[in-house]
């Protein structure tokens, strides 16, 4: 599953501007582009940005984080790295379906 910058912003709590700056200045992620040139982020990109955002809230400067692997970022913030895969995408799809059906229990 690929995400727009707006979706990534919601998932990571980073503003779209911060995401683009981190991408351009620090190469923290390298999203693909769709036919219209819009950025498309993978689940791995989202996880990497989420971990980097958490690390910055812990006081680590982004410039020191950009060169770290996703696993190293996870260790730095005290988490086990989540392997990018369909599970996050499936969970998001379930959430969207529940919202569309107004199913608060789901």
Protein backbone atom coordinates (compact mmCIF):
# COMPACT_ATOMS: atom_id res chain seq x y z
CA UNK A 1 0.00 0.00 0.00
CA UNK A 2 1.25 3.49 -0.83
CA UNK A 3 0.30 6.64 1.05
CA UNK A 4 -0.04 10.29 0.10
CA UNK A 5 1.87 12.91 2.04
CA UNK A 6 -1.40 13.92 3.74
CA UNK A 7 -1.99 10.36 4.93
CA UNK A 8 1.61 10.07 6.13
CA UNK A 9 1.19 13.34 8.00
CA UNK A 10 -1.82 11.94 9.84
CA UNK A 11 -0.10 8.62 10.58
CA UNK A 12 3.17 10.14 11.86
CA UNK A 13 1.89 13.38 13.40
CA UNK A 14 4.46 15.26 11.28
CA UNK A 15 3.34 18.15 9.12
CA UNK A 16 3.52 17.68 5.36
CA UNK A 17 6.10 20.48 5.27
CA UNK A 18 8.34 18.71 7.80
CA UNK A 19 8.09 15.45 5.86
CA UNK A 20 9.13 17.18 2.64
CA UNK A 21 11.99 19.04 4.33
CA UNK A 22 13.30 15.86 5.98
CA UNK A 23 13.10 14.14 2.61
CA UNK A 24 14.86 16.94 0.72
CA UNK A 25 17.53 17.99 3.27
CA UNK A 26 18.25 14.72 5.05
CA UNK A 27 17.10 12.00 2.62
CA UNK A 28 15.34 10.27 5.52
CA UNK A 29 13.04 8.59 2.95
CA UNK A 30 12.87 8.48 -0.84
CA UNK A 31 9.21 8.14 -1.83
CA UNK A 32 8.17 7.06 -5.28
CA UNK A 33 6.10 9.31 -7.52
CA UNK A 34 2.79 8.58 -9.19
CA UNK A 35 1.97 9.48 -12.80
CA UNK A 36 1.11 13.03 -11.80
CA UNK A 37 4.35 13.50 -9.86
CA UNK A 38 2.80 13.29 -6.37
CA UNK A 39 4.81 11.59 -3.66
CA UNK A 40 3.77 8.06 -2.68
CA UNK A 41 5.16 6.66 0.57
CA UNK A 42 5.52 2.96 1.36
CA UNK A 43 4.66 1.38 4.70
CA UNK A 44 8.41 1.22 5.36
CA UNK A 45 8.69 4.97 4.71
CA UNK A 46 5.83 5.62 7.13
CA UNK A 47 7.45 3.48 9.83
CA UNK A 48 10.82 5.18 9.32
CA UNK A 49 9.27 8.64 9.59
CA UNK A 50 7.28 7.63 12.67
CA UNK A 51 10.42 6.39 14.41
CA UNK A 52 12.41 9.46 13.39
CA UNK A 53 9.64 11.73 14.69
CA UNK A 54 9.66 9.87 18.00
CA UNK A 55 13.46 10.09 18.22
CA UNK A 56 13.35 13.86 17.66
CA UNK A 57 10.86 14.24 20.49
CA UNK A 58 13.41 12.44 22.66
CA UNK A 59 15.99 15.09 21.79
CA UNK A 60 17.89 13.53 18.90
CA UNK A 61 18.54 15.93 16.01
CA UNK A 62 17.18 14.77 12.66
CA UNK A 63 20.58 15.25 11.01
CA UNK A 64 21.98 12.49 13.22
CA UNK A 65 19.06 10.15 12.51
CA UNK A 66 18.89 10.26 8.73
CA UNK A 67 21.79 7.87 8.17
CA UNK A 68 20.52 5.26 10.62
CA UNK A 69 18.71 2.13 9.49
CA UNK A 70 15.08 1.67 10.48
CA UNK A 71 16.17 -1.04 12.91
CA UNK A 72 18.69 1.34 14.52
CA UNK A 73 16.01 4.02 14.83
CA UNK A 74 13.73 1.50 16.54
CA UNK A 75 16.50 0.53 18.97
CA UNK A 76 17.24 4.18 19.65
CA UNK A 77 13.66 4.86 20.73
CA UNK A 78 13.36 1.56 22.56
CA UNK A 79 11.04 -0.21 20.16
CA UNK A 80 11.28 -3.35 18.17
CA UNK A 81 11.29 -2.47 14.48
CA UNK A 82 8.11 -3.35 12.66
CA UNK A 83 8.72 -5.14 9.42
CA UNK A 84 6.92 -3.35 6.62
CA UNK A 85 4.25 -5.61 5.32
CA UNK A 86 0.61 -6.02 4.57
CA UNK A 87 -0.49 -6.09 8.21
CA UNK A 88 -0.44 -2.31 8.63
CA UNK A 89 -2.24 -1.88 5.32
CA UNK A 90 -4.88 -4.43 6.29
CA UNK A 91 -5.43 -2.73 9.63
CA UNK A 92 -5.87 0.62 7.92
CA UNK A 93 -8.38 -0.90 5.50
CA UNK A 94 -10.36 -2.38 8.43
CA UNK A 95 -10.41 1.00 10.15
CA UNK A 96 -11.61 2.77 7.01
CA UNK A 97 -14.36 0.17 6.48
CA UNK A 98 -15.48 0.54 10.11
CA UNK A 99 -15.59 4.32 9.78
CA UNK A 100 -17.60 4.14 6.58
CA UNK A 101 -20.11 1.83 8.29
CA UNK A 102 -20.10 4.01 11.44
CA UNK A 103 -19.18 0.86 13.36
CA UNK A 104 -17.60 2.14 16.59
CA UNK A 105 -17.11 -1.37 17.97
CA UNK A 106 -15.02 -2.50 14.99
